[in-house]
Structures are given as structure tokens and as C-alpha cells.
Amino acid sequence: MSHSRLPTRQSAEIRQAEMVQAVLHLAARQEPASITTTEIAKVVGLSQGAVFRHFPNKQAIWLSVAQWLTANLLPLIQTAAQSSPNPLTSLANIYCTHLQFVQENPGVPRFIFHELQQPNDSPIKQEVASMLQTYSGILIGVLQQAKASQQALPNLDERSAATLFIGSIQGLVMQAMLQGSTATLEPMSLGVWDLYLSAIRQHA
């Protein structure tokens, strides 16, 4: 009996994952608020009714997108944070990893910005905020290591430095969105990273 249910369950999970990717695909080109379930169904190749057989409503789809983001970005950030015995090198790796993730998933920034701007404290907004809080915690840990190894300023406020780190990436992303392509991220990012590093580093 359990074997007969397995293909159906797998098929449902695959369809749900396809719809999450459809939202991100559409968000790369338009505002998330304007995305309709009809458009999602068209990208996946389903009827609109079939979409609601996998998700009860549009908000459930959006929550799955936020959960996908948590499940895929945070492990990459954690791996980058542990990538080097030198904490400043690890910080640089986190920076590059995040930018690469955005380049590979250009719909993610629009989705994040859209949800954080919502006035209501929805489960979707809570998921995104929780992800960013965990991300900030990872950064704070690496910055504390940099202070302990005398590579960062002894009076550095790690929380503020983590906020500036994430904010600098968000600023780069917004500039790239204004220019219409995430391909502009890499050349712009080098100067921003140098400024950030100069601000936090312990100078001899």
C-alpha cells in the first residue's frame, strides 16, 4: 500500500518544486505582487485548477518559495563561513557566494524586497525575516573570530557590521535591478567589498 502511494507523493513534490521555480522565474522579470496563478500554471504546464490541487492558495505558494530560499541559501552561507581558517577570507567567500546565488536566481531579490515591504506580519514575511536573522548570526560569528584573531577592529560592533554586510549586497542588487541585469553585480561588487573590508579591518 505504501509503495503505491510513493509515486503520487513524489509527483506532488516535484510539481510543487516546479511551481516554486516558476514564481522565481517570473519574479526575475516582474513584480511578485503582479504574478498570478494563471501565469504560474502556464510556466509549469498545468491548468490553474491543477495548481490549487497542490497548494490551497497563492499565499501557500509564496510560503514555499520563502522556505526554498531558506533551505538553499543558508547552507551555502554556512559552508562559506567555514571555508577558511582566516575569518576575513571566509567573509569574502560569503560575499561571493551570496552574489553568485543572486546571479543564478535573479528572481530572489525581488521576492525578498517585496515580502519585507509588506505591512502585515505574515508567515511568509516571518520566514524571510528569520532567514535574514540566521544569516546575520552567521556573519556575527565570523566577525567575532576576526576580532579574536586581531584582524578586525577591536571595538567593532559585530551586529552593525553584519547589517552593513547584508545591506551592501542588497544595495548592489538594487543597482543591478535598475540596470536590468545581475551581470553587472560582479564588476560593481569589487569596489564595495574593498570599502567594507577597509572599514572593519584592523590596520597595522
N, C-alpha and C. Protein backbone atom coordinates (compact mmCIF):
# COMPACT_ATOMS: atom_id res chain seq x y z
N MET A 1 0.84 -1.21 0.00
CA MET A 1 0.00 0.00 0.00
C MET A 1 0.87 1.25 0.00
N SER A 2 1.91 1.27 0.84
CA SER A 2 2.78 2.44 0.91
C SER A 2 3.52 2.64 -0.40
N HIS A 3 3.86 1.51 -1.10
CA HIS A 3 4.57 1.63 -2.37
C HIS A 3 3.69 2.28 -3.43
N SER A 4 2.40 2.01 -3.40
CA SER A 4 1.50 2.57 -4.42
C SER A 4 1.32 4.07 -4.24
N ARG A 5 1.53 4.57 -3.02
CA ARG A 5 1.36 6.00 -2.76
C ARG A 5 2.63 6.79 -3.08
N LEU A 6 3.77 6.13 -3.09
CA LEU A 6 5.04 6.82 -3.25
C LEU A 6 5.14 7.61 -4.55
N PRO A 7 4.82 7.04 -5.73
CA PRO A 7 4.92 7.83 -6.96
C PRO A 7 4.06 9.08 -6.94
N THR A 8 2.84 8.98 -6.36
CA THR A 8 1.95 10.13 -6.29
C THR A 8 2.55 11.22 -5.42
N ARG A 9 3.12 10.80 -4.27
CA ARG A 9 3.73 11.77 -3.37
C ARG A 9 4.92 12.44 -4.04
N GLN A 10 5.75 11.63 -4.73
CA GLN A 10 6.91 12.19 -5.42
C GLN A 10 6.47 13.16 -6.51
N SER A 11 5.41 12.79 -7.24
CA SER A 11 4.92 13.65 -8.30
C SER A 11 4.43 14.97 -7.74
N ALA A 12 3.74 14.93 -6.59
CA ALA A 12 3.24 16.16 -5.96
C ALA A 12 4.40 17.05 -5.53
N GLU A 13 5.44 16.45 -4.95
CA GLU A 13 6.60 17.23 -4.51
C GLU A 13 7.31 17.85 -5.70
N ILE A 14 7.40 17.12 -6.79
CA ILE A 14 8.05 17.64 -8.00
C ILE A 14 7.26 18.82 -8.55
N ARG A 15 5.94 18.67 -8.61
CA ARG A 15 5.09 19.76 -9.10
C ARG A 15 5.20 21.00 -8.22
N GLN A 16 5.22 20.80 -6.92
CA GLN A 16 5.35 21.93 -6.00
C GLN A 16 6.68 22.63 -6.21
N ALA A 17 7.75 21.85 -6.38
CA ALA A 17 9.07 22.44 -6.62
C ALA A 17 9.09 23.20 -7.94
N GLU A 18 8.42 22.67 -8.95
CA GLU A 18 8.34 23.36 -10.24
C GLU A 18 7.61 24.69 -10.12
N MET A 19 6.59 24.73 -9.30
CA MET A 19 5.84 25.98 -9.13
C MET A 19 6.65 27.01 -8.36
N VAL A 20 7.45 26.56 -7.40
CA VAL A 20 8.35 27.48 -6.69
C VAL A 20 9.33 28.11 -7.69
N GLN A 21 9.90 27.28 -8.56
CA GLN A 21 10.84 27.79 -9.56
C GLN A 21 10.13 28.70 -10.56
N ALA A 22 8.87 28.40 -10.85
CA ALA A 22 8.10 29.26 -11.76
C ALA A 22 7.92 30.65 -11.18
N VAL A 23 7.64 30.73 -9.88
CA VAL A 23 7.50 32.03 -9.22
C VAL A 23 8.80 32.81 -9.31
N LEU A 24 9.92 32.16 -9.03
CA LEU A 24 11.22 32.83 -9.09
C LEU A 24 11.56 33.25 -10.52
N HIS A 25 11.18 32.42 -11.48
CA HIS A 25 11.41 32.75 -12.90
C HIS A 25 10.62 34.00 -13.28
N LEU A 26 9.38 34.06 -12.86
CA LEU A 26 8.53 35.21 -13.17
C LEU A 26 8.98 36.45 -12.40
N ALA A 27 9.43 36.25 -11.15
CA ALA A 27 9.86 37.39 -10.33
C ALA A 27 11.11 38.05 -10.87
N ALA A 28 11.87 37.34 -11.68
CA ALA A 28 13.07 37.93 -12.28
C ALA A 28 12.70 38.98 -13.32
N ARG A 29 11.44 38.95 -13.79
CA ARG A 29 11.03 39.85 -14.88
C ARG A 29 9.91 40.81 -14.48
N GLN A 30 9.25 40.55 -13.35
CA GLN A 30 8.12 41.40 -12.96
C GLN A 30 7.98 41.43 -11.45
N GLU A 31 7.18 42.36 -10.97
CA GLU A 31 6.96 42.48 -9.53
C GLU A 31 6.21 41.24 -9.02
N PRO A 32 6.65 40.65 -7.91
CA PRO A 32 5.96 39.48 -7.37
C PRO A 32 4.46 39.70 -7.14
N ALA A 33 4.08 40.92 -6.75
CA ALA A 33 2.66 41.19 -6.49
C ALA A 33 1.80 41.01 -7.74
N SER A 34 2.41 41.14 -8.92
CA SER A 34 1.65 41.04 -10.16
C SER A 34 1.59 39.62 -10.72
N ILE A 35 2.31 38.69 -10.09
CA ILE A 35 2.32 37.31 -10.57
C ILE A 35 1.00 36.63 -10.22
N THR A 36 0.39 36.01 -11.20
CA THR A 36 -0.89 35.33 -10.99
C THR A 36 -0.71 33.82 -11.03
N THR A 37 -1.67 33.12 -10.46
CA THR A 37 -1.61 31.67 -10.52
C THR A 37 -1.78 31.18 -11.96
N THR A 38 -2.45 31.96 -12.79
CA THR A 38 -2.58 31.60 -14.20
C THR A 38 -1.21 31.59 -14.87
N GLU A 39 -0.38 32.61 -14.55
CA GLU A 39 0.98 32.66 -15.11
C GLU A 39 1.83 31.50 -14.59
N ILE A 40 1.69 31.21 -13.30
CA ILE A 40 2.45 30.09 -12.72
C ILE A 40 2.07 28.79 -13.41
N ALA A 41 0.77 28.59 -13.60
CA ALA A 41 0.29 27.37 -14.26
C ALA A 41 0.83 27.27 -15.68
N LYS A 42 0.89 28.39 -16.38
CA LYS A 42 1.38 28.39 -17.76
C LYS A 42 2.85 27.99 -17.83
N VAL A 43 3.66 28.53 -16.90
CA VAL A 43 5.09 28.20 -16.88
C VAL A 43 5.30 26.71 -16.61
N VAL A 44 4.54 26.17 -15.69
CA VAL A 44 4.71 24.76 -15.30
C VAL A 44 4.04 23.81 -16.30
N GLY A 45 3.06 24.33 -17.05
CA GLY A 45 2.35 23.48 -17.99
C GLY A 45 1.17 22.76 -17.37
N LEU A 46 0.51 23.45 -16.44
CA LEU A 46 -0.67 22.89 -15.77
C LEU A 46 -1.85 23.82 -15.97
N SER A 47 -3.03 23.32 -15.64
CA SER A 47 -4.20 24.19 -15.58
C SER A 47 -4.18 24.94 -14.26
N GLN A 48 -4.92 26.04 -14.19
CA GLN A 48 -4.97 26.79 -12.93
C GLN A 48 -5.58 25.93 -11.83
N GLY A 49 -6.55 25.10 -12.18
CA GLY A 49 -7.15 24.21 -11.18
C GLY A 49 -6.14 23.23 -10.62
N ALA A 50 -5.22 22.77 -11.47
CA ALA A 50 -4.20 21.82 -11.01
C ALA A 50 -3.26 22.47 -10.01
N VAL A 51 -3.00 23.77 -10.17
CA VAL A 51 -2.16 24.49 -9.22
C VAL A 51 -2.74 24.39 -7.82
N PHE A 52 -4.06 24.56 -7.72
CA PHE A 52 -4.71 24.55 -6.42
C PHE A 52 -4.94 23.15 -5.87
N ARG A 53 -4.61 22.14 -6.65
CA ARG A 53 -4.59 20.79 -6.10
C ARG A 53 -3.30 20.55 -5.33
N HIS A 54 -2.29 21.35 -5.62
CA HIS A 54 -1.00 21.20 -4.93
C HIS A 54 -0.82 22.23 -3.83
N PHE A 55 -1.45 23.38 -3.95
CA PHE A 55 -1.39 24.43 -2.94
C PHE A 55 -2.80 24.96 -2.70
N PRO A 56 -3.19 25.17 -1.45
CA PRO A 56 -4.55 25.63 -1.17
C PRO A 56 -4.83 27.05 -1.65
N ASN A 57 -3.78 27.88 -1.71
CA ASN A 57 -3.96 29.26 -2.14
C ASN A 57 -2.61 29.83 -2.56
N LYS A 58 -2.65 31.07 -3.06
CA LYS A 58 -1.44 31.73 -3.54
C LYS A 58 -0.44 31.96 -2.41
N GLN A 59 -0.95 32.27 -1.21
CA GLN A 59 -0.05 32.51 -0.08
C GLN A 59 0.77 31.27 0.27
N ALA A 60 0.18 30.11 0.08
CA ALA A 60 0.89 28.86 0.36
C ALA A 60 2.04 28.67 -0.63
N ILE A 61 1.84 29.10 -1.86
CA ILE A 61 2.91 29.03 -2.86
C ILE A 61 4.04 29.95 -2.44
N TRP A 62 3.69 31.17 -2.06
CA TRP A 62 4.70 32.16 -1.66
C TRP A 62 5.48 31.67 -0.43
N LEU A 63 4.80 31.03 0.51
CA LEU A 63 5.48 30.50 1.69
C LEU A 63 6.48 29.42 1.29
N SER A 64 6.12 28.59 0.32
CA SER A 64 7.04 27.56 -0.16
C SER A 64 8.26 28.17 -0.83
N VAL A 65 8.05 29.30 -1.51
CA VAL A 65 9.19 30.00 -2.12
C VAL A 65 10.13 30.49 -1.02
N ALA A 66 9.58 31.08 0.03
CA ALA A 66 10.40 31.57 1.15
C ALA A 66 11.14 30.42 1.83
N GLN A 67 10.47 29.29 1.99
CA GLN A 67 11.11 28.12 2.60
C GLN A 67 12.20 27.56 1.71
N TRP A 68 11.98 27.61 0.39
CA TRP A 68 13.01 27.18 -0.55
C TRP A 68 14.24 28.06 -0.41
N LEU A 69 14.03 29.35 -0.27
CA LEU A 69 15.13 30.29 -0.12
C LEU A 69 15.95 29.97 1.14
N THR A 70 15.27 29.75 2.25
CA THR A 70 15.96 29.39 3.49
C THR A 70 16.77 28.11 3.33
N ALA A 71 16.15 27.10 2.70
CA ALA A 71 16.78 25.79 2.57
C ALA A 71 17.95 25.79 1.60
N ASN A 72 17.98 26.74 0.68
CA ASN A 72 19.04 26.74 -0.34
C ASN A 72 20.13 27.78 -0.11
N LEU A 73 19.77 28.95 0.40
CA LEU A 73 20.80 29.98 0.60
C LEU A 73 21.59 29.76 1.89
N LEU A 74 20.91 29.49 2.99
CA LEU A 74 21.62 29.41 4.27
C LEU A 74 22.71 28.34 4.32
N PRO A 75 22.49 27.13 3.77
CA PRO A 75 23.59 26.16 3.79
C PRO A 75 24.81 26.63 3.00
N LEU A 76 24.58 27.36 1.92
CA LEU A 76 25.70 27.90 1.15
C LEU A 76 26.48 28.93 1.98
N ILE A 77 25.74 29.78 2.69
CA ILE A 77 26.37 30.80 3.53
C ILE A 77 27.15 30.14 4.67
N GLN A 78 26.56 29.11 5.28
CA GLN A 78 27.23 28.40 6.38
C GLN A 78 28.50 27.72 5.90
N THR A 79 28.45 27.11 4.73
CA THR A 79 29.64 26.46 4.17
C THR A 79 30.73 27.48 3.89
N ALA A 80 30.35 28.62 3.32
CA ALA A 80 31.32 29.68 3.04
C ALA A 80 31.93 30.22 4.33
N ALA A 81 31.12 30.30 5.39
CA ALA A 81 31.61 30.81 6.68
C ALA A 81 32.66 29.90 7.29
N GLN A 82 32.62 28.62 6.93
CA GLN A 82 33.56 27.64 7.47
C GLN A 82 34.64 27.25 6.46
N SER A 83 34.76 28.03 5.40
CA SER A 83 35.61 27.64 4.27
C SER A 83 37.09 27.91 4.47
N SER A 84 37.44 28.72 5.47
CA SER A 84 38.84 29.08 5.64
C SER A 84 39.15 29.31 7.12
N PRO A 85 40.39 29.00 7.54
CA PRO A 85 40.78 29.34 8.92
C PRO A 85 40.95 30.84 9.12
N ASN A 86 41.05 31.57 8.01
CA ASN A 86 41.14 33.03 8.06
C ASN A 86 39.74 33.62 7.98
N PRO A 87 39.25 34.25 9.05
CA PRO A 87 37.86 34.74 9.05
C PRO A 87 37.58 35.80 7.98
N LEU A 88 38.55 36.62 7.63
CA LEU A 88 38.32 37.61 6.59
C LEU A 88 38.18 36.95 5.22
N THR A 89 38.91 35.86 5.02
CA THR A 89 38.73 35.08 3.78
C THR A 89 37.35 34.45 3.75
N SER A 90 36.91 33.95 4.89
CA SER A 90 35.56 33.38 4.97
C SER A 90 34.51 34.43 4.67
N LEU A 91 34.70 35.65 5.18
CA LEU A 91 33.76 36.74 4.89
C LEU A 91 33.71 37.02 3.39
N ALA A 92 34.88 37.05 2.75
CA ALA A 92 34.93 37.28 1.31
C ALA A 92 34.22 36.17 0.57
N ASN A 93 34.36 34.94 1.05
CA ASN A 93 33.69 33.81 0.41
C ASN A 93 32.17 33.88 0.57
N ILE A 94 31.72 34.35 1.74
CA ILE A 94 30.27 34.54 1.94
C ILE A 94 29.76 35.57 0.96
N TYR A 95 30.48 36.67 0.84
CA TYR A 95 30.11 37.76 -0.06
C TYR A 95 29.97 37.25 -1.50
N CYS A 96 30.99 36.52 -1.97
CA CYS A 96 30.97 35.99 -3.34
C CYS A 96 29.87 34.95 -3.53
N THR A 97 29.66 34.13 -2.50
CA THR A 97 28.64 33.08 -2.57
C THR A 97 27.25 33.68 -2.71
N HIS A 98 26.98 34.72 -1.92
CA HIS A 98 25.67 35.37 -1.98
C HIS A 98 25.45 36.01 -3.34
N LEU A 99 26.45 36.71 -3.85
CA LEU A 99 26.31 37.36 -5.15
C LEU A 99 26.11 36.33 -6.27
N GLN A 100 26.82 35.21 -6.18
CA GLN A 100 26.65 34.16 -7.18
C GLN A 100 25.24 33.57 -7.11
N PHE A 101 24.73 33.40 -5.89
CA PHE A 101 23.37 32.88 -5.72
C PHE A 101 22.35 33.80 -6.37
N VAL A 102 22.54 35.10 -6.22
CA VAL A 102 21.64 36.08 -6.83
C VAL A 102 21.74 36.02 -8.35
N GLN A 103 22.95 35.89 -8.87
CA GLN A 103 23.11 35.80 -10.31
C GLN A 103 22.44 34.55 -10.88
N GLU A 104 22.48 33.48 -10.13
CA GLU A 104 21.85 32.22 -10.57
C GLU A 104 20.35 32.22 -10.34
N ASN A 105 19.89 33.05 -9.42
CA ASN A 105 18.46 33.12 -9.08
C ASN A 105 18.01 34.57 -9.03
N PRO A 106 17.95 35.25 -10.19
CA PRO A 106 17.67 36.69 -10.20
C PRO A 106 16.30 37.09 -9.68
N GLY A 107 15.38 36.14 -9.55
CA GLY A 107 14.07 36.47 -9.00
C GLY A 107 14.07 36.59 -7.49
N VAL A 108 15.10 36.08 -6.84
CA VAL A 108 15.15 36.08 -5.37
C VAL A 108 15.13 37.49 -4.77
N PRO A 109 15.95 38.44 -5.24
CA PRO A 109 15.93 39.77 -4.63
C PRO A 109 14.57 40.44 -4.69
N ARG A 110 13.90 40.36 -5.84
CA ARG A 110 12.57 40.96 -5.94
C ARG A 110 11.61 40.33 -4.93
N PHE A 111 11.70 39.03 -4.79
CA PHE A 111 10.83 38.32 -3.86
C PHE A 111 11.09 38.79 -2.43
N ILE A 112 12.37 38.87 -2.03
CA ILE A 112 12.71 39.30 -0.67
C ILE A 112 12.25 40.72 -0.42
N PHE A 113 12.58 41.64 -1.34
CA PHE A 113 12.19 43.03 -1.15
C PHE A 113 10.67 43.17 -1.04
N HIS A 114 9.97 42.42 -1.88
CA HIS A 114 8.51 42.50 -1.87
C HIS A 114 7.94 42.07 -0.53
N GLU A 115 8.44 40.96 -0.01
CA GLU A 115 7.88 40.44 1.24
C GLU A 115 8.23 41.31 2.44
N LEU A 116 9.43 41.84 2.48
CA LEU A 116 9.83 42.67 3.62
C LEU A 116 9.10 44.00 3.64
N GLN A 117 8.56 44.42 2.51
CA GLN A 117 7.81 45.67 2.44
C GLN A 117 6.35 45.52 2.86
N GLN A 118 5.91 44.29 3.05
CA GLN A 118 4.50 44.08 3.39
C GLN A 118 4.21 44.55 4.81
N PRO A 119 3.10 45.25 5.02
CA PRO A 119 2.81 45.78 6.36
C PRO A 119 2.42 44.70 7.36
N ASN A 120 1.82 43.63 6.88
CA ASN A 120 1.36 42.57 7.78
C ASN A 120 2.49 41.59 8.08
N ASP A 121 2.48 41.08 9.30
CA ASP A 121 3.49 40.12 9.73
C ASP A 121 3.03 38.70 9.37
N SER A 122 3.05 38.41 8.06
CA SER A 122 2.55 37.13 7.56
C SER A 122 3.57 36.02 7.79
N PRO A 123 3.16 34.75 7.69
CA PRO A 123 4.12 33.64 7.79
C PRO A 123 5.23 33.75 6.75
N ILE A 124 4.92 34.32 5.59
CA ILE A 124 5.93 34.48 4.54
C ILE A 124 6.98 35.48 4.99
N LYS A 125 6.52 36.62 5.47
CA LYS A 125 7.45 37.66 5.95
C LYS A 125 8.26 37.15 7.12
N GLN A 126 7.63 36.39 8.01
CA GLN A 126 8.34 35.82 9.15
C GLN A 126 9.43 34.86 8.70
N GLU A 127 9.14 34.08 7.68
CA GLU A 127 10.14 33.13 7.16
C GLU A 127 11.34 33.87 6.58
N VAL A 128 11.08 34.91 5.79
CA VAL A 128 12.16 35.70 5.19
C VAL A 128 12.97 36.40 6.28
N ALA A 129 12.28 36.99 7.25
CA ALA A 129 12.96 37.69 8.34
C ALA A 129 13.80 36.73 9.17
N SER A 130 13.28 35.54 9.40
CA SER A 130 14.02 34.54 10.17
C SER A 130 15.27 34.11 9.42
N MET A 131 15.16 33.95 8.11
CA MET A 131 16.31 33.59 7.30
C MET A 131 17.40 34.65 7.40
N LEU A 132 17.00 35.93 7.29
CA LEU A 132 17.96 37.03 7.37
C LEU A 132 18.58 37.13 8.76
N GLN A 133 17.80 36.82 9.79
CA GLN A 133 18.33 36.84 11.15
C GLN A 133 19.38 35.76 11.34
N THR A 134 19.11 34.56 10.81
CA THR A 134 20.09 33.47 10.90
C THR A 134 21.34 33.82 10.12
N TYR A 135 21.17 34.40 8.94
CA TYR A 135 22.29 34.85 8.12
C TYR A 135 23.14 35.84 8.91
N SER A 136 22.49 36.81 9.53
CA SER A 136 23.20 37.80 10.32
C SER A 136 23.97 37.15 11.47
N GLY A 137 23.37 36.13 12.09
CA GLY A 137 24.05 35.42 13.17
C GLY A 137 25.31 34.72 12.71
N ILE A 138 25.27 34.17 11.50
CA ILE A 138 26.46 33.52 10.93
C ILE A 138 27.56 34.57 10.73
N LEU A 139 27.18 35.71 10.19
CA LEU A 139 28.15 36.78 9.96
C LEU A 139 28.76 37.27 11.28
N ILE A 140 27.93 37.44 12.29
CA ILE A 140 28.41 37.90 13.59
C ILE A 140 29.46 36.94 14.15
N GLY A 141 29.22 35.63 13.98
CA GLY A 141 30.18 34.64 14.44
C GLY A 141 31.53 34.78 13.74
N VAL A 142 31.51 34.98 12.43
CA VAL A 142 32.76 35.15 11.68
C VAL A 142 33.45 36.45 12.07
N LEU A 143 32.69 37.51 12.26
CA LEU A 143 33.27 38.80 12.67
C LEU A 143 33.89 38.71 14.07
N GLN A 144 33.28 37.95 14.95
CA GLN A 144 33.86 37.74 16.28
C GLN A 144 35.19 37.01 16.18
N GLN A 145 35.27 36.05 15.26
CA GLN A 145 36.54 35.35 15.02
C GLN A 145 37.60 36.32 14.50
N ALA A 146 37.17 37.24 13.62
CA ALA A 146 38.11 38.22 13.07
C ALA A 146 38.65 39.13 14.18
N LYS A 147 37.79 39.50 15.12
CA LYS A 147 38.24 40.33 16.25
C LYS A 147 39.19 39.53 17.15
N ALA A 148 38.85 38.28 17.39
CA ALA A 148 39.67 37.45 18.28
C ALA A 148 41.06 37.23 17.70
N SER A 149 41.16 37.18 16.37
CA SER A 149 42.45 36.99 15.71
C SER A 149 43.14 38.30 15.37
N GLN A 150 42.57 39.40 15.88
CA GLN A 150 43.11 40.75 15.69
C GLN A 150 43.19 41.16 14.21
N GLN A 151 42.25 40.65 13.43
CA GLN A 151 42.16 41.04 12.02
C GLN A 151 41.09 42.11 11.82
N ALA A 152 40.19 42.23 12.78
CA ALA A 152 39.16 43.26 12.72
C ALA A 152 39.37 44.24 13.86
N LEU A 153 38.81 45.42 13.73
CA LEU A 153 38.95 46.46 14.75
C LEU A 153 38.52 45.94 16.13
N PRO A 154 39.26 46.22 17.17
CA PRO A 154 38.91 45.69 18.50
C PRO A 154 37.58 46.23 19.04
N ASN A 155 37.20 47.41 18.59
CA ASN A 155 35.93 48.00 19.05
C ASN A 155 34.81 47.83 18.03
N LEU A 156 34.99 46.90 17.08
CA LEU A 156 33.99 46.69 16.03
C LEU A 156 32.67 46.20 16.62
N ASP A 157 31.58 46.82 16.23
CA ASP A 157 30.23 46.37 16.60
C ASP A 157 29.83 45.31 15.58
N GLU A 158 29.89 44.04 15.97
CA GLU A 158 29.66 42.95 15.02
C GLU A 158 28.27 43.00 14.42
N ARG A 159 27.28 43.36 15.23
CA ARG A 159 25.91 43.39 14.72
C ARG A 159 25.75 44.45 13.63
N SER A 160 26.32 45.62 13.88
CA SER A 160 26.25 46.68 12.87
C SER A 160 27.03 46.29 11.63
N ALA A 161 28.18 45.64 11.82
CA ALA A 161 28.99 45.21 10.69
C ALA A 161 28.26 44.15 9.86
N ALA A 162 27.51 43.27 10.53
CA ALA A 162 26.73 42.26 9.81
C ALA A 162 25.60 42.92 9.02
N THR A 163 24.96 43.92 9.65
CA THR A 163 23.89 44.65 8.96
C THR A 163 24.44 45.37 7.72
N LEU A 164 25.61 45.98 7.86
CA LEU A 164 26.23 46.67 6.72
C LEU A 164 26.61 45.69 5.63
N PHE A 165 27.08 44.51 6.01
CA PHE A 165 27.45 43.47 5.05
C PHE A 165 26.26 43.10 4.17
N ILE A 166 25.16 42.74 4.82
CA ILE A 166 23.96 42.35 4.07
C ILE A 166 23.41 43.54 3.29
N GLY A 167 23.44 44.72 3.92
CA GLY A 167 22.93 45.92 3.25
C GLY A 167 23.72 46.28 2.01
N SER A 168 25.03 46.06 2.04
CA SER A 168 25.84 46.37 0.86
C SER A 168 25.47 45.46 -0.30
N ILE A 169 25.19 44.20 -0.01
CA ILE A 169 24.78 43.28 -1.07
C ILE A 169 23.41 43.67 -1.61
N GLN A 170 22.49 44.03 -0.70
CA GLN A 170 21.17 44.46 -1.14
C GLN A 170 21.26 45.71 -2.01
N GLY A 171 22.17 46.62 -1.64
CA GLY A 171 22.36 47.83 -2.44
C GLY A 171 22.89 47.51 -3.83
N LEU A 172 23.84 46.58 -3.90
CA LEU A 172 24.38 46.15 -5.20
C LEU A 172 23.28 45.54 -6.05
N VAL A 173 22.46 44.73 -5.43
CA VAL A 173 21.37 44.07 -6.15
C VAL A 173 20.39 45.10 -6.70
N MET A 174 20.06 46.10 -5.89
CA MET A 174 19.14 47.14 -6.35
C MET A 174 19.73 47.90 -7.55
N GLN A 175 21.03 48.19 -7.51
CA GLN A 175 21.67 48.86 -8.63
C GLN A 175 21.62 47.98 -9.88
N ALA A 176 21.85 46.69 -9.70
CA ALA A 176 21.80 45.75 -10.83
C ALA A 176 20.38 45.68 -11.41
N MET A 177 19.38 45.70 -10.52
CA MET A 177 18.00 45.66 -10.98
C MET A 177 17.65 46.91 -11.78
N LEU A 178 18.18 48.05 -11.34
CA LEU A 178 17.94 49.30 -12.07
C LEU A 178 18.56 49.25 -13.46
N GLN A 179 19.69 48.55 -13.57
CA GLN A 179 20.35 48.42 -14.86
C GLN A 179 19.81 47.26 -15.68
N GLY A 180 18.92 46.49 -15.08
CA GLY A 180 18.22 45.44 -15.81
C GLY A 180 18.95 44.12 -15.95
N SER A 181 20.05 43.92 -15.21
CA SER A 181 20.78 42.66 -15.34
C SER A 181 21.66 42.43 -14.13
N THR A 182 21.63 41.19 -13.61
CA THR A 182 22.51 40.83 -12.50
C THR A 182 23.95 40.62 -12.97
N ALA A 183 24.17 40.66 -14.29
CA ALA A 183 25.53 40.51 -14.82
C ALA A 183 26.42 41.67 -14.38
N THR A 184 25.81 42.79 -13.99
CA THR A 184 26.59 43.95 -13.56
C THR A 184 27.04 43.85 -12.10
N LEU A 185 26.60 42.80 -11.40
CA LEU A 185 26.94 42.68 -9.99
C LEU A 185 28.43 42.54 -9.75
N GLU A 186 29.07 41.67 -10.50
CA GLU A 186 30.48 41.36 -10.23
C GLU A 186 31.39 42.58 -10.36
N PRO A 187 31.34 43.32 -11.47
CA PRO A 187 32.24 44.49 -11.55
C PRO A 187 31.96 45.55 -10.48
N MET A 188 30.71 45.72 -10.10
CA MET A 188 30.38 46.71 -9.07
C MET A 188 30.79 46.24 -7.68
N SER A 189 30.78 44.92 -7.47
CA SER A 189 30.98 44.37 -6.14
C SER A 189 32.40 44.53 -5.62
N LEU A 190 33.38 44.58 -6.51
CA LEU A 190 34.77 44.60 -6.08
C LEU A 190 35.08 45.85 -5.26
N GLY A 191 34.67 47.02 -5.76
CA GLY A 191 34.92 48.25 -5.04
C GLY A 191 34.17 48.33 -3.73
N VAL A 192 32.94 47.82 -3.72
CA VAL A 192 32.13 47.83 -2.49
C VAL A 192 32.78 46.94 -1.44
N TRP A 193 33.27 45.78 -1.86
CA TRP A 193 33.92 44.87 -0.92
C TRP A 193 35.18 45.50 -0.33
N ASP A 194 35.96 46.16 -1.16
CA ASP A 194 37.18 46.81 -0.67
C ASP A 194 36.84 47.88 0.38
N LEU A 195 35.78 48.63 0.15
CA LEU A 195 35.36 49.65 1.12
C LEU A 195 34.92 49.01 2.43
N TYR A 196 34.16 47.93 2.34
CA TYR A 196 33.68 47.25 3.54
C TYR A 196 34.86 46.71 4.34
N LEU A 197 35.78 46.05 3.65
CA LEU A 197 36.93 45.45 4.32
C LEU A 197 37.78 46.52 4.98
N SER A 198 37.96 47.65 4.29
CA SER A 198 38.73 48.75 4.85
C SER A 198 38.09 49.30 6.13
N ALA A 199 36.76 49.27 6.18
CA ALA A 199 36.04 49.81 7.34
C ALA A 199 36.16 48.94 8.59
N ILE A 200 36.29 47.61 8.42
CA ILE A 200 36.26 46.71 9.57
C ILE A 200 37.64 46.18 9.94
N ARG A 201 38.60 46.28 9.03
CA ARG A 201 39.89 45.64 9.25
C ARG A 201 40.75 46.39 10.27
N GLN A 202 41.48 45.60 11.03
CA GLN A 202 42.47 46.15 11.96
C GLN A 202 43.72 46.47 11.16
N HIS A 203 44.07 47.74 11.11
CA HIS A 203 45.23 48.15 10.32
C HIS A 203 46.49 48.12 11.19
N ALA A 204 47.56 47.73 10.55
CA ALA A 204 48.84 47.61 11.29
C ALA A 204 49.36 48.99 11.67
